[in-house]
PDB file of N, CA and C in Angstrom:
ATOM      1  N   MET A   1     -11.070 -13.300  -3.670  1.00  0.00           N
ATOM      2  CA  MET A   1     -10.628 -11.968  -3.042  1.00  0.00           C
ATOM      3  C   MET A   1      -9.629 -11.354  -3.818  1.00  0.00           C
ATOM      4  N   TYR A   2      -9.721  -9.814  -3.852  1.00  0.00           N
ATOM      5  CA  TYR A   2      -8.880  -8.728  -4.619  1.00  0.00           C
ATOM      6  C   TYR A   2      -7.646  -8.046  -3.853  1.00  0.00           C
ATOM      7  N   THR A   3      -6.822  -7.856  -3.991  1.00  0.00           N
ATOM      8  CA  THR A   3      -5.947  -6.955  -2.924  1.00  0.00           C
ATOM      9  C   THR A   3      -4.752  -6.174  -4.052  1.00  0.00           C
ATOM     10  N   ILE A   4      -4.698  -5.200  -3.391  1.00  0.00           N
ATOM     11  CA  ILE A   4      -4.071  -3.918  -3.717  1.00  0.00           C
ATOM     12  C   ILE A   4      -2.481  -3.997  -2.640  1.00  0.00           C
ATOM     13  N   ILE A   5      -1.486  -4.078  -3.503  1.00  0.00           N
ATOM     14  CA  ILE A   5      -0.143  -4.063  -2.512  1.00  0.00           C
ATOM     15  C   ILE A   5       0.694  -3.344  -2.887  1.00  0.00           C
ATOM     16  N   CYS A   6       1.012  -2.028  -1.948  1.00  0.00           N
ATOM     17  CA  CYS A   6       2.106  -1.191  -1.998  1.00  0.00           C
ATOM     18  C   CYS A   6       3.306  -0.891  -1.586  1.00  0.00           C
ATOM     19  N   VAL A   7       4.300  -0.988  -2.061  1.00  0.00           N
ATOM     20  CA  VAL A   7       5.918  -1.162  -1.208  1.00  0.00           C
ATOM     21  C   VAL A   7       6.281   0.614  -1.161  1.00  0.00           C
ATOM     22  N   PHE A   8       6.378   0.820   0.156  1.00  0.00           N
ATOM     23  CA  PHE A   8       6.855   2.321  -0.015  1.00  0.00           C
ATOM     24  C   PHE A   8       8.300   2.618   0.616  1.00  0.00           C
ATOM     25  N   ARG A   9       8.883   3.399  -0.006  1.00  0.00           N
ATOM     26  CA  ARG A   9      10.050   3.571   0.926  1.00  0.00           C
ATOM     27  C   ARG A   9       9.906   5.254   1.606  1.00  0.00           C
ATOM     28  N   VAL A  10      10.218   5.009   2.780  1.00  0.00           N
ATOM     29  CA  VAL A  10       9.923   6.398   3.832  1.00  0.00           C
ATOM     30  C   VAL A  10      11.154   6.503   4.380  1.00  0.00           C
ATOM     31  N   LYS A  11      11.344   7.797   4.347  1.00  0.00           N
ATOM     32  CA  LYS A  11      12.387   8.395   5.132  1.00  0.00           C
ATOM     33  C   LYS A  11      12.254   8.008   6.930  1.00  0.00           C
ATOM     34  N   ALA A  12      13.231   7.881   7.303  1.00  0.00           N
ATOM     35  CA  ALA A  12      12.780   7.468   8.922  1.00  0.00           C
ATOM     36  C   ALA A  12      12.284   8.701   9.464  1.00  0.00           C
ATOM     37  N   ASP A  13      12.678   9.543   9.139  1.00  0.00           N
ATOM     38  CA  ASP A  13      12.204  11.075   9.786  1.00  0.00           C
ATOM     39  C   ASP A  13      10.591  11.517   9.637  1.00  0.00           C
ATOM     40  N   LYS A  14      10.198  11.075   8.613  1.00  0.00           N
ATOM     41  CA  LYS A  14       8.852  11.038   8.427  1.00  0.00           C
ATOM     42  C   LYS A  14       7.997   9.915   8.319  1.00  0.00           C
ATOM     43  N   LEU A  15       8.395   8.960   9.253  1.00  0.00           N
ATOM     44  CA  LEU A  15       7.778   7.428   9.578  1.00  0.00           C
ATOM     45  C   LEU A  15       6.612   7.912  10.103  1.00  0.00           C
ATOM     46  N   ASP A  16       6.713   8.541  11.296  1.00  0.00           N
ATOM     47  CA  ASP A  16       5.326   8.549  12.230  1.00  0.00           C
ATOM     48  C   ASP A  16       4.043   9.174  11.572  1.00  0.00           C
ATOM     49  N   LYS A  17       4.486  10.263  10.415  1.00  0.00           N
ATOM     50  CA  LYS A  17       3.654  11.547   9.604  1.00  0.00           C
ATOM     51  C   LYS A  17       3.051  10.061   8.521  1.00  0.00           C
ATOM     52  N   PHE A  18       3.779   8.899   7.825  1.00  0.00           N
ATOM     53  CA  PHE A  18       3.695   8.308   7.164  1.00  0.00           C
ATOM     54  C   PHE A  18       2.554   7.516   7.760  1.00  0.00           C
ATOM     55  N   LEU A  19       2.611   6.952   8.937  1.00  0.00           N
ATOM     56  CA  LEU A  19       1.991   5.895   9.693  1.00  0.00           C
ATOM     57  C   LEU A  19       0.806   6.891   9.894  1.00  0.00           C
ATOM     58  N   LYS A  20       0.738   7.888  10.249  1.00  0.00           N
ATOM     59  CA  LYS A  20      -0.726   8.508  10.718  1.00  0.00           C
ATOM     60  C   LYS A  20      -1.421   8.621   9.470  1.00  0.00           C
ATOM     61  N   MET A  21      -1.058   9.114   8.503  1.00  0.00           N
ATOM     62  CA  MET A  21      -1.888   9.266   7.187  1.00  0.00           C
ATOM     63  C   MET A  21      -2.276   7.839   6.769  1.00  0.00           C
ATOM     64  N   THR A  22      -1.585   7.106   6.558  1.00  0.00           N
ATOM     65  CA  THR A  22      -2.105   5.107   6.056  1.00  0.00           C
ATOM     66  C   THR A  22      -2.570   4.642   6.926  1.00  0.00           C
ATOM     67  N   ARG A  23      -2.786   5.090   8.109  1.00  0.00           N
ATOM     68  CA  ARG A  23      -3.803   4.518   9.256  1.00  0.00           C
ATOM     69  C   ARG A  23      -5.220   5.164   8.935  1.00  0.00           C
ATOM     70  N   LYS A  24      -4.983   6.527   8.834  1.00  0.00           N
ATOM     71  CA  LYS A  24      -6.309   7.224   8.695  1.00  0.00           C
ATOM     72  C   LYS A  24      -7.075   7.100   6.998  1.00  0.00           C
ATOM     73  N   THR A  25      -6.063   6.589   6.293  1.00  0.00           N
ATOM     74  CA  THR A  25      -6.503   6.250   4.799  1.00  0.00           C
ATOM     75  C   THR A  25      -7.329   4.705   5.312  1.00  0.00           C
ATOM     76  N   GLY A  26      -6.565   4.170   5.906  1.00  0.00           N
ATOM     77  CA  GLY A  26      -7.225   2.397   6.078  1.00  0.00           C
ATOM     78  C   GLY A  26      -8.434   2.606   6.591  1.00  0.00           C
ATOM     79  N   GLU A  27      -8.887   3.564   7.813  1.00  0.00           N
ATOM     80  CA  GLU A  27     -10.030   3.670   8.094  1.00  0.00           C
ATOM     81  C   GLU A  27     -11.047   4.140   7.354  1.00  0.00           C
ATOM     82  N   ILE A  28     -10.683   5.193   6.541  1.00  0.00           N
ATOM     83  CA  ILE A  28     -11.550   5.626   5.215  1.00  0.00           C
ATOM     84  C   ILE A  28     -12.019   4.291   4.739  1.00  0.00           C
ATOM     85  N   LEU A  29     -11.057   3.823   3.873  1.00  0.00           N
ATOM     86  CA  LEU A  29     -11.540   2.851   3.072  1.00  0.00           C
ATOM     87  C   LEU A  29     -12.082   1.757   4.206  1.00  0.00           C
ATOM     88  N   LYS A  30     -12.155   1.179   4.977  1.00  0.00           N
ATOM     89  CA  LYS A  30     -12.601   0.353   5.849  1.00  0.00           C
ATOM     90  C   LYS A  30     -14.184   0.752   5.919  1.00  0.00           C
ATOM     91  N   SER A  31     -14.530   1.934   6.415  1.00  0.00           N
ATOM     92  CA  SER A  31     -15.490   2.687   6.283  1.00  0.00           C
ATOM     93  C   SER A  31     -16.477   2.728   5.051  1.00  0.00           C
ATOM     94  N   HIS A  32     -15.686   2.593   3.898  1.00  0.00           N
ATOM     95  CA  HIS A  32     -16.658   2.621   2.973  1.00  0.00           C
ATOM     96  C   HIS A  32     -16.560   1.181   1.964  1.00  0.00           C
ATOM     97  N   GLY A  33     -16.067   0.016   3.061  1.00  0.00           N
ATOM     98  CA  GLY A  33     -16.290  -1.287   2.726  1.00  0.00           C
ATOM     99  C   GLY A  33     -15.119  -2.243   2.356  1.00  0.00           C
ATOM    100  N   ALA A  34     -13.959  -1.573   2.291  1.00  0.00           N
ATOM    101  CA  ALA A  34     -12.878  -2.544   2.174  1.00  0.00           C
ATOM    102  C   ALA A  34     -12.613  -3.591   3.411  1.00  0.00           C
ATOM    103  N   LEU A  35     -12.392  -4.719   3.240  1.00  0.00           N
ATOM    104  CA  LEU A  35     -12.396  -5.762   4.355  1.00  0.00           C
ATOM    105  C   LEU A  35     -10.973  -5.371   5.187  1.00  0.00           C
ATOM    106  N   GLU A  36      -9.999  -4.793   4.434  1.00  0.00           N
ATOM    107  CA  GLU A  36      -8.923  -4.642   5.419  1.00  0.00           C
ATOM    108  C   GLU A  36      -7.982  -3.616   4.950  1.00  0.00           C
ATOM    109  N   HIS A  37      -7.169  -3.095   5.579  1.00  0.00           N
ATOM    110  CA  HIS A  37      -6.132  -2.344   5.331  1.00  0.00           C
ATOM    111  C   HIS A  37      -4.798  -2.374   6.251  1.00  0.00           C
ATOM    112  N   THR A  38      -3.539  -2.899   6.044  1.00  0.00           N
ATOM    113  CA  THR A  38      -2.643  -3.077   6.393  1.00  0.00           C
ATOM    114  C   THR A  38      -1.504  -2.454   6.308  1.00  0.00           C
ATOM    115  N   ILE A  39      -0.541  -1.868   7.270  1.00  0.00           N
ATOM    116  CA  ILE A  39       0.814  -1.596   6.901  1.00  0.00           C
ATOM    117  C   ILE A  39       1.738  -2.601   7.499  1.00  0.00           C
ATOM    118  N   TYR A  40       2.660  -3.418   7.113  1.00  0.00           N
ATOM    119  CA  TYR A  40       3.500  -3.911   7.234  1.00  0.00           C
ATOM    120  C   TYR A  40       4.981  -3.439   7.358  1.00  0.00           C
ATOM    121  N   PHE A  41       5.850  -3.764   8.560  1.00  0.00           N
ATOM    122  CA  PHE A  41       7.183  -3.034   8.369  1.00  0.00           C
ATOM    123  C   PHE A  41       8.284  -4.171   8.078  1.00  0.00           C
ATOM    124  N   SER A  42       9.033  -4.129   7.239  1.00  0.00           N
ATOM    125  CA  SER A  42       9.989  -4.578   6.835  1.00  0.00           C
ATOM    126  C   SER A  42      10.805  -5.481   7.947  1.00  0.00           C
ATOM    127  N   LYS A  43      11.183  -6.919   7.984  1.00  0.00           N
ATOM    128  CA  LYS A  43      11.814  -7.647   8.579  1.00  0.00           C
ATOM    129  C   LYS A  43      13.025  -8.212   8.220  1.00  0.00           C
ATOM    130  N   GLU A  44      12.898  -8.998   6.905  1.00  0.00           N
ATOM    131  CA  GLU A  44      14.326  -9.829   6.071  1.00  0.00           C
ATOM    132  C   GLU A  44      13.795  -9.332   4.933  1.00  0.00           C
ATOM    133  N   LEU A  45      14.793  -8.891   4.478  1.00  0.00           N
ATOM    134  CA  LEU A  45      14.814  -7.971   3.027  1.00  0.00           C
ATOM    135  C   LEU A  45      15.818  -8.633   2.109  1.00  0.00           C
ATOM    136  N   THR A  46      16.652  -9.596   2.727  1.00  0.00           N
ATOM    137  CA  THR A  46      17.321 -10.558   1.619  1.00  0.00           C
ATOM    138  C   THR A  46      17.192 -11.717   1.135  1.00  0.00           C
ATOM    139  N   GLY A  47      16.086 -11.808   1.417  1.00  0.00           N
ATOM    140  CA  GLY A  47      15.667 -13.495   0.878  1.00  0.00           C
ATOM    141  C   GLY A  47      15.990 -14.707   1.686  1.00  0.00           C
ATOM    142  N   ARG A  48      15.287 -15.670   1.595  1.00  0.00           N
ATOM    143  CA  ARG A  48      15.641 -16.810   2.311  1.00  0.00           C
ATOM    144  C   ARG A  48      15.577 -18.310   0.995  1.00  0.00           C
ATOM    145  N   GLN A  49      16.430 -19.083   1.702  1.00  0.00           N
ATOM    146  CA  GLN A  49      16.844 -20.397   0.791  1.00  0.00           C
ATOM    147  C   GLN A  49      16.491 -20.568  -0.661  1.00  0.00           C
ATOM    148  N   GLY A  50      17.660 -19.179  -0.752  1.00  0.00           N
ATOM    149  CA  GLY A  50      18.328 -19.214  -1.973  1.00  0.00           C
ATOM    150  C   GLY A  50      17.439 -18.299  -3.124  1.00  0.00           C
ATOM    151  N   SER A  51      16.322 -17.644  -2.339  1.00  0.00           N
ATOM    152  CA  SER A  51      15.363 -17.044  -3.343  1.00  0.00           C
ATOM    153  C   SER A  51      15.933 -15.392  -2.964  1.00  0.00           C
ATOM    154  N   MET A  52      15.575 -14.731  -4.235  1.00  0.00           N
ATOM    155  CA  MET A  52      16.056 -13.384  -4.129  1.00  0.00           C
ATOM    156  C   MET A  52      14.825 -12.520  -2.570  1.00  0.00           C
ATOM    157  N   GLY A  53      15.503 -11.321  -2.196  1.00  0.00           N
ATOM    158  CA  GLY A  53      14.788 -10.624  -1.149  1.00  0.00           C
ATOM    159  C   GLY A  53      14.335  -9.351  -1.988  1.00  0.00           C
ATOM    160  N   PHE A  54      13.708  -8.457  -1.534  1.00  0.00           N
ATOM    161  CA  PHE A  54      13.549  -6.996  -1.742  1.00  0.00           C
ATOM    162  C   PHE A  54      14.320  -6.444  -2.085  1.00  0.00           C
ATOM    163  N   LEU A  55      15.723  -6.505  -1.537  1.00  0.00           N
ATOM    164  CA  LEU A  55      16.760  -5.487  -1.797  1.00  0.00           C
ATOM    165  C   LEU A  55      17.336  -6.102  -3.167  1.00  0.00           C
ATOM    166  N   ASN A  56      17.038  -7.243  -3.476  1.00  0.00           N
ATOM    167  CA  ASN A  56      17.682  -7.401  -4.960  1.00  0.00           C
ATOM    168  C   ASN A  56      16.829  -6.534  -6.199  1.00  0.00           C
ATOM    169  N   LEU A  57      15.519  -6.296  -5.338  1.00  0.00           N
ATOM    170  CA  LEU A  57      14.910  -5.511  -6.571  1.00  0.00           C
ATOM    171  C   LEU A  57      14.828  -3.998  -6.199  1.00  0.00           C
ATOM    172  N   ILE A  58      14.896  -3.550  -5.166  1.00  0.00           N
ATOM    173  CA  ILE A  58      14.488  -2.163  -4.637  1.00  0.00           C
ATOM    174  C   ILE A  58      15.531  -1.681  -4.000  1.00  0.00           C
ATOM    175  N   GLU A  59      16.198  -0.404  -4.491  1.00  0.00           N
ATOM    176  CA  GLU A  59      17.166   0.104  -3.762  1.00  0.00           C
ATOM    177  C   GLU A  59      16.835   0.922  -2.426  1.00  0.00           C
ATOM    178  N   VAL A  60      17.235   0.554  -1.230  1.00  0.00           N
ATOM    179  CA  VAL A  60      16.859   1.381  -0.113  1.00  0.00           C
ATOM    180  C   VAL A  60      18.068   1.822   0.478  1.00  0.00           C
ATOM    181  N   GLU A  61      17.914   3.650   0.234  1.00  0.00           N
ATOM    182  CA  GLU A  61      18.892   4.372   1.109  1.00  0.00           C
ATOM    183  C   GLU A  61      19.204   4.320   2.572  1.00  0.00           C
ATOM    184  N   GLU A  62      20.044   4.696   2.586  1.00  0.00           N
ATOM    185  CA  GLU A  62      20.383   5.014   4.167  1.00  0.00           C
ATOM    186  C   GLU A  62      19.291   6.033   4.986  1.00  0.00           C
ATOM    187  N   GLY A  63      18.681   5.455   5.747  1.00  0.00           N
ATOM    188  CA  GLY A  63      17.638   6.328   6.698  1.00  0.00           C
ATOM    189  C   GLY A  63      16.390   6.307   5.834  1.00  0.00           C
ATOM    190  N   GLU A  64      16.405   5.194   5.183  1.00  0.00           N
ATOM    191  CA  GLU A  64      15.351   4.645   4.560  1.00  0.00           C
ATOM    192  C   GLU A  64      14.290   3.614   5.086  1.00  0.00           C
ATOM    193  N   GLU A  65      13.143   3.451   5.635  1.00  0.00           N
ATOM    194  CA  GLU A  65      12.149   2.327   5.916  1.00  0.00           C
ATOM    195  C   GLU A  65      11.829   1.367   4.527  1.00  0.00           C
ATOM    196  N   LEU A  66      11.554   0.414   4.544  1.00  0.00           N
ATOM    197  CA  LEU A  66      10.647  -0.423   3.478  1.00  0.00           C
ATOM    198  C   LEU A  66       9.353  -0.804   4.244  1.00  0.00           C
ATOM    199  N   LEU A  67       8.393  -0.182   3.697  1.00  0.00           N
ATOM    200  CA  LEU A  67       7.012  -0.644   4.326  1.00  0.00           C
ATOM    201  C   LEU A  67       6.291  -1.204   3.229  1.00  0.00           C
ATOM    202  N   LEU A  68       5.386  -2.158   3.510  1.00  0.00           N
ATOM    203  CA  LEU A  68       4.321  -2.380   2.724  1.00  0.00           C
ATOM    204  C   LEU A  68       2.590  -2.672   2.836  1.00  0.00           C
ATOM    205  N   GLY A  69       1.998  -1.961   2.248  1.00  0.00           N
ATOM    206  CA  GLY A  69       1.170  -1.800   2.446  1.00  0.00           C
ATOM    207  C   GLY A  69      -0.282  -2.675   1.520  1.00  0.00           C
ATOM    208  N   GLN A  70      -1.139  -3.009   2.285  1.00  0.00           N
ATOM    209  CA  GLN A  70      -2.083  -3.881   1.547  1.00  0.00           C
ATOM    210  C   GLN A  70      -3.609  -3.769   2.026  1.00  0.00           C
ATOM    211  N   SER A  71      -4.467  -3.646   0.997  1.00  0.00           N
ATOM    212  CA  SER A  71      -5.826  -3.409   1.188  1.00  0.00           C
ATOM    213  C   SER A  71      -6.445  -4.615   0.673  1.00  0.00           C
ATOM    214  N   VAL A  72      -7.632  -4.874   1.219  1.00  0.00           N
ATOM    215  CA  VAL A  72      -8.186  -6.318   0.698  1.00  0.00           C
ATOM    216  C   VAL A  72      -9.490  -5.741   0.324  1.00  0.00           C
ATOM    217  N   PHE A  73     -10.433  -6.584  -0.673  1.00  0.00           N
ATOM    218  CA  PHE A  73     -11.612  -6.515  -1.209  1.00  0.00           C
ATOM    219  C   PHE A  73     -11.985  -7.766  -1.254  1.00  0.00           C
ATOM    220  N   GLU A  74     -13.279  -7.834  -1.219  1.00  0.00           N
ATOM    221  CA  GLU A  74     -14.483  -9.202  -2.053  1.00  0.00           C
ATOM    222  C   GLU A  74     -13.977  -9.393  -3.202  1.00  0.00           C
ATOM    223  N   ASN A  75     -13.877  -8.289  -4.074  1.00  0.00           N
ATOM    224  CA  ASN A  75     -13.232  -8.921  -5.000  1.00  0.00           C
ATOM    225  C   ASN A  75     -13.353  -7.416  -6.050  1.00  0.00           C
ATOM    226  N   GLU A  76     -12.790  -7.484  -7.257  1.00  0.00           N
ATOM    227  CA  GLU A  76     -12.355  -6.520  -8.327  1.00  0.00           C
ATOM    228  C   GLU A  76     -13.262  -5.785  -8.205  1.00  0.00           C
ATOM    229  N   LYS A  77     -14.666  -6.066  -8.670  1.00  0.00           N
ATOM    230  CA  LYS A  77     -16.044  -4.975  -8.546  1.00  0.00           C
ATOM    231  C   LYS A  77     -16.033  -4.374  -7.190  1.00  0.00           C
ATOM    232  N   GLN A  78     -15.933  -4.882  -5.859  1.00  0.00           N
ATOM    233  CA  GLN A  78     -15.852  -4.064  -4.860  1.00  0.00           C
ATOM    234  C   GLN A  78     -15.123  -3.372  -4.747  1.00  0.00           C
ATOM    235  N   TYR A  79     -13.932  -3.637  -5.147  1.00  0.00           N
ATOM    236  CA  TYR A  79     -12.602  -2.494  -5.059  1.00  0.00           C
ATOM    237  C   TYR A  79     -13.179  -1.510  -5.733  1.00  0.00           C
ATOM    238  N   TYR A  80     -13.470  -1.310  -6.838  1.00  0.00           N
ATOM    239  CA  TYR A  80     -14.084   0.131  -8.005  1.00  0.00           C
ATOM    240  C   TYR A  80     -15.105   0.838  -7.231  1.00  0.00           C
ATOM    241  N   GLU A  81     -16.064  -0.390  -6.544  1.00  0.00           N
ATOM    242  CA  GLU A  81     -17.167   0.587  -5.964  1.00  0.00           C
ATOM    243  C   GLU A  81     -16.604   1.141  -4.477  1.00  0.00           C
ATOM    244  N   VAL A  82     -15.696   0.571  -3.625  1.00  0.00           N
ATOM    245  CA  VAL A  82     -15.226   1.425  -2.761  1.00  0.00           C
ATOM    246  C   VAL A  82     -14.802   2.854  -3.355  1.00  0.00           C
ATOM    247  N   MET A  83     -13.559   2.502  -4.117  1.00  0.00           N
ATOM    248  CA  MET A  83     -12.575   3.235  -4.543  1.00  0.00           C
ATOM    249  C   MET A  83     -13.953   4.583  -5.209  1.00  0.00           C
ATOM    250  N   ALA A  84     -14.565   4.303  -5.671  1.00  0.00           N
ATOM    251  CA  ALA A  84     -15.815   5.477  -6.498  1.00  0.00           C
ATOM    252  C   ALA A  84     -16.334   6.218  -5.024  1.00  0.00           C
ATOM    253  N   SER A  85     -16.867   5.487  -4.107  1.00  0.00           N
ATOM    254  CA  SER A  85     -17.016   6.277  -3.183  1.00  0.00           C
ATOM    255  C   SER A  85     -16.303   6.822  -2.443  1.00  0.00           C
ATOM    256  N   VAL A  86     -15.009   6.314  -1.819  1.00  0.00           N
ATOM    257  CA  VAL A  86     -14.194   7.135  -1.699  1.00  0.00           C
ATOM    258  C   VAL A  86     -13.491   8.156  -2.009  1.00  0.00           C
ATOM    259  N   GLY A  87     -13.766   8.218  -3.251  1.00  0.00           N
ATOM    260  CA  GLY A  87     -13.275   9.716  -4.239  1.00  0.00           C
ATOM    261  C   GLY A  87     -14.188  10.946  -3.779  1.00  0.00           C
ATOM    262  N   CYS A  88     -15.098  10.709  -2.994  1.00  0.00           N
ATOM    263  CA  CYS A  88     -16.113  11.636  -2.809  1.00  0.00           C
ATOM    264  C   CYS A  88     -15.655  12.463  -1.559  1.00  0.00           C
ATOM    265  N   ASP A  89     -14.923  11.406  -0.887  1.00  0.00           N
ATOM    266  CA  ASP A  89     -14.745  11.966   0.712  1.00  0.00           C
ATOM    267  C   ASP A  89     -13.492  13.011   0.687  1.00  0.00           C
ATOM    268  N   ASP A  90     -13.647  14.320   1.215  1.00  0.00           N
ATOM    269  CA  ASP A  90     -12.641  15.333   1.265  1.00  0.00           C
ATOM    270  C   ASP A  90     -11.534  14.862   1.990  1.00  0.00           C
ATOM    271  N   ILE A  91     -11.690  13.983   3.113  1.00  0.00           N
ATOM    272  CA  ILE A  91     -10.416  13.684   3.947  1.00  0.00           C
ATOM    273  C   ILE A  91      -9.434  13.146   3.055  1.00  0.00           C
ATOM    274  N   ILE A  92     -10.025  12.041   2.384  1.00  0.00           N
ATOM    275  CA  ILE A  92      -9.152  11.032   1.513  1.00  0.00           C
ATOM    276  C   ILE A  92      -8.568  11.809   0.768  1.00  0.00           C
ATOM    277  N   GLN A  93      -9.093  13.017  -0.092  1.00  0.00           N
ATOM    278  CA  GLN A  93      -8.396  13.678  -1.106  1.00  0.00           C
ATOM    279  C   GLN A  93      -7.541  14.631  -0.560  1.00  0.00           C
ATOM    280  N   TYR A  94      -7.653  14.919   0.781  1.00  0.00           N
ATOM    281  CA  TYR A  94      -6.461  15.896   1.677  1.00  0.00           C
ATOM    282  C   TYR A  94      -5.355  14.599   1.974  1.00  0.00           C
ATOM    283  N   LEU A  95      -5.621  13.674   2.432  1.00  0.00           N
ATOM    284  CA  LEU A  95      -4.612  12.752   2.585  1.00  0.00           C
ATOM    285  C   LEU A  95      -3.888  12.137   1.537  1.00  0.00           C
ATOM    286  N   ASP A  96      -4.497  11.931   0.498  1.00  0.00           N
ATOM    287  CA  ASP A  96      -3.632  11.549  -1.042  1.00  0.00           C
ATOM    288  C   ASP A  96      -2.921  12.705  -1.606  1.00  0.00           C
ATOM    289  N   GLY A  97      -3.266  13.942  -1.291  1.00  0.00           N
ATOM    290  CA  GLY A  97      -2.614  15.036  -1.828  1.00  0.00           C
ATOM    291  C   GLY A  97      -1.244  15.167  -1.075  1.00  0.00           C
ATOM    292  N   ASN A  98      -1.263  14.904   0.361  1.00  0.00           N
ATOM    293  CA  ASN A  98      -0.057  15.266   1.194  1.00  0.00           C
ATOM    294  C   ASN A  98       0.694  14.138   1.317  1.00  0.00           C
ATOM    295  N   ILE A  99       0.180  12.956   0.914  1.00  0.00           N
ATOM    296  CA  ILE A  99       1.216  11.693   1.181  1.00  0.00           C
ATOM    297  C   ILE A  99       2.408  12.050  -0.025  1.00  0.00           C
ATOM    298  N   ARG A 100       2.128  12.721  -0.849  1.00  0.00           N
ATOM    299  CA  ARG A 100       3.254  13.070  -1.856  1.00  0.00           C
ATOM    300  C   ARG A 100       4.052  13.854  -1.259  1.00  0.00           C
ATOM    301  N   ASP A 101       4.026  14.507   0.002  1.00  0.00           N
ATOM    302  CA  ASP A 101       5.118  15.254   0.663  1.00  0.00           C
ATOM    303  C   ASP A 101       5.713  14.343   1.799  1.00  0.00           C
ATOM    304  N   ILE A 102       5.503  13.056   1.692  1.00  0.00           N
ATOM    305  CA  ILE A 102       6.127  12.160   2.421  1.00  0.00           C
ATOM    306  C   ILE A 102       6.913  10.962   1.774  1.00  0.00           C
ATOM    307  N   VAL A 103       6.336  10.814   0.782  1.00  0.00           N
ATOM    308  CA  VAL A 103       7.255   9.731   0.008  1.00  0.00           C
ATOM    309  C   VAL A 103       6.853  10.075  -1.737  1.00  0.00           C
ATOM    310  N   GLU A 104       8.076   9.621  -2.382  1.00  0.00           N
ATOM    311  CA  GLU A 104       8.305  10.076  -3.955  1.00  0.00           C
ATOM    312  C   GLU A 104       7.473   8.766  -4.702  1.00  0.00           C
ATOM    313  N   MET A 105       6.368   9.216  -5.103  1.00  0.00           N
ATOM    314  CA  MET A 105       5.583   8.619  -5.560  1.00  0.00           C
ATOM    315  C   MET A 105       6.036   7.738  -6.985  1.00  0.00           C
ATOM    316  N   ASN A 106       6.604   8.133  -7.626  1.00  0.00           N
ATOM    317  CA  ASN A 106       7.664   7.190  -8.482  1.00  0.00           C
ATOM    318  C   ASN A 106       8.378   6.321  -8.070  1.00  0.00           C
ATOM    319  N   LYS A 107       8.673   6.412  -6.733  1.00  0.00           N
ATOM    320  CA  LYS A 107       9.253   5.093  -6.032  1.00  0.00           C
ATOM    321  C   LYS A 107       8.599   3.947  -5.560  1.00  0.00           C
ATOM    322  N   VAL A 108       7.469   4.146  -5.622  1.00  0.00           N
ATOM    323  CA  VAL A 108       6.200   3.795  -4.878  1.00  0.00           C
ATOM    324  C   VAL A 108       5.997   2.538  -5.707  1.00  0.00           C
ATOM    325  N   ILE A 109       5.770   1.152  -5.750  1.00  0.00           N
ATOM    326  CA  ILE A 109       5.629   0.037  -6.220  1.00  0.00           C
ATOM    327  C   ILE A 109       4.462  -0.543  -6.175  1.00  0.00           C
ATOM    328  N   SER A 110       2.989  -0.588  -6.824  1.00  0.00           N
ATOM    329  CA  SER A 110       1.837  -0.624  -6.484  1.00  0.00           C
ATOM    330  C   SER A 110       1.338  -2.040  -7.412  1.00  0.00           C
ATOM    331  N   SER A 111       0.632  -2.823  -6.990  1.00  0.00           N
ATOM    332  CA  SER A 111       0.163  -4.304  -8.112  1.00  0.00           C
ATOM    333  C   SER A 111      -1.192  -4.601  -7.233  1.00  0.00           C
ATOM    334  N   SER A 112      -1.931  -5.070  -7.945  1.00  0.00           N
ATOM    335  CA  SER A 112      -3.046  -6.143  -7.784  1.00  0.00           C
ATOM    336  C   SER A 112      -2.867  -7.479  -8.056  1.00  0.00           C
ATOM    337  N   PHE A 113      -3.701  -8.495  -7.057  1.00  0.00           N
ATOM    338  CA  PHE A 113      -3.314  -9.519  -6.858  1.00  0.00           C
ATOM    339  C   PHE A 113      -4.886  -9.977  -6.705  1.00  0.00           C
ATOM    340  N   THR A 114      -5.307 -11.222  -7.644  1.00  0.00           N
ATOM    341  CA  THR A 114      -6.713 -11.779  -7.197  1.00  0.00           C
ATOM    342  C   THR A 114      -6.839 -13.251  -7.159  1.00  0.00           C
ATOM    343  N   THR A 115      -7.637 -13.841  -5.754  1.00  0.00           N
ATOM    344  CA  THR A 115      -7.675 -15.208  -5.967  1.00  0.00           C
ATOM    345  C   THR A 115      -8.694 -15.879  -7.173  1.00  0.00           C
ATOM    346  N   ASP A 116      -9.230 -15.256  -8.225  1.00  0.00           N
ATOM    347  CA  ASP A 116      -9.910 -15.675  -9.175  1.00  0.00           C
ATOM    348  C   ASP A 116      -8.827 -15.888 -10.592  1.00  0.00           C
ATOM    349  N   LYS A 117      -8.710 -17.019 -11.066  1.00  0.00           N
ATOM    350  CA  LYS A 117      -7.975 -17.309 -11.803  1.00  0.00           C
ATOM    351  C   LYS A 117      -8.295 -16.700 -13.189  1.00  0.00           C
ATOM    352  N   PRO A 118      -7.082 -16.192 -13.947  1.00  0.00           N
ATOM    353  CA  PRO A 118      -7.626 -15.499 -15.027  1.00  0.00           C
ATOM    354  C   PRO A 118      -7.899 -16.162 -16.126  1.00  0.00           C
ATOM    355  N   GLU A 119      -8.612 -15.961 -17.294  1.00  0.00           N
ATOM    356  CA  GLU A 119      -9.431 -16.614 -18.264  1.00  0.00           C
ATOM    357  C   GLU A 119      -8.515 -17.359 -19.080  1.00  0.00           C
ATOM    358  N   PHE A 120      -7.151 -16.726 -19.215  1.00  0.00           N
ATOM    359  CA  PHE A 120      -6.304 -16.677 -20.134  1.00  0.00           C
ATOM    360  C   PHE A 120      -5.580 -17.996 -19.736  1.00  0.00           C
ATOM    361  N   ILE A 121      -5.627 -18.487 -18.643  1.00  0.00           N
ATOM    362  CA  ILE A 121      -4.729 -19.585 -17.871  1.00  0.00           C
ATOM    363  C   ILE A 121      -5.586 -20.734 -18.123  1.00  0.00           C
TER     364      ILE A 121
END
């Protein structure tokens, strides 16, 4: 499995618009082959059992919500195939351009993870 995780800081007054856009993006990704696209709302950000929480790493301002987005693919190859296919979709281009009006992209955290063991380990 291959997954892309994004952490978004969204102003509360833009939350509904953000959710509509990300849900539409997820529908498009899935229609092009992604296995899953989910948005999670934050619940506990302070950590548990002595661990750090997201609030130790990310400064969340008053009136902001922290959301986590996850897109899942069969493997990294399939991710690139889906993204190449989606790149031709006019709606995804529109959504991609407009998300910049909702969140500050330089404050979005994005990383990928795989269940495949890296060769260097």
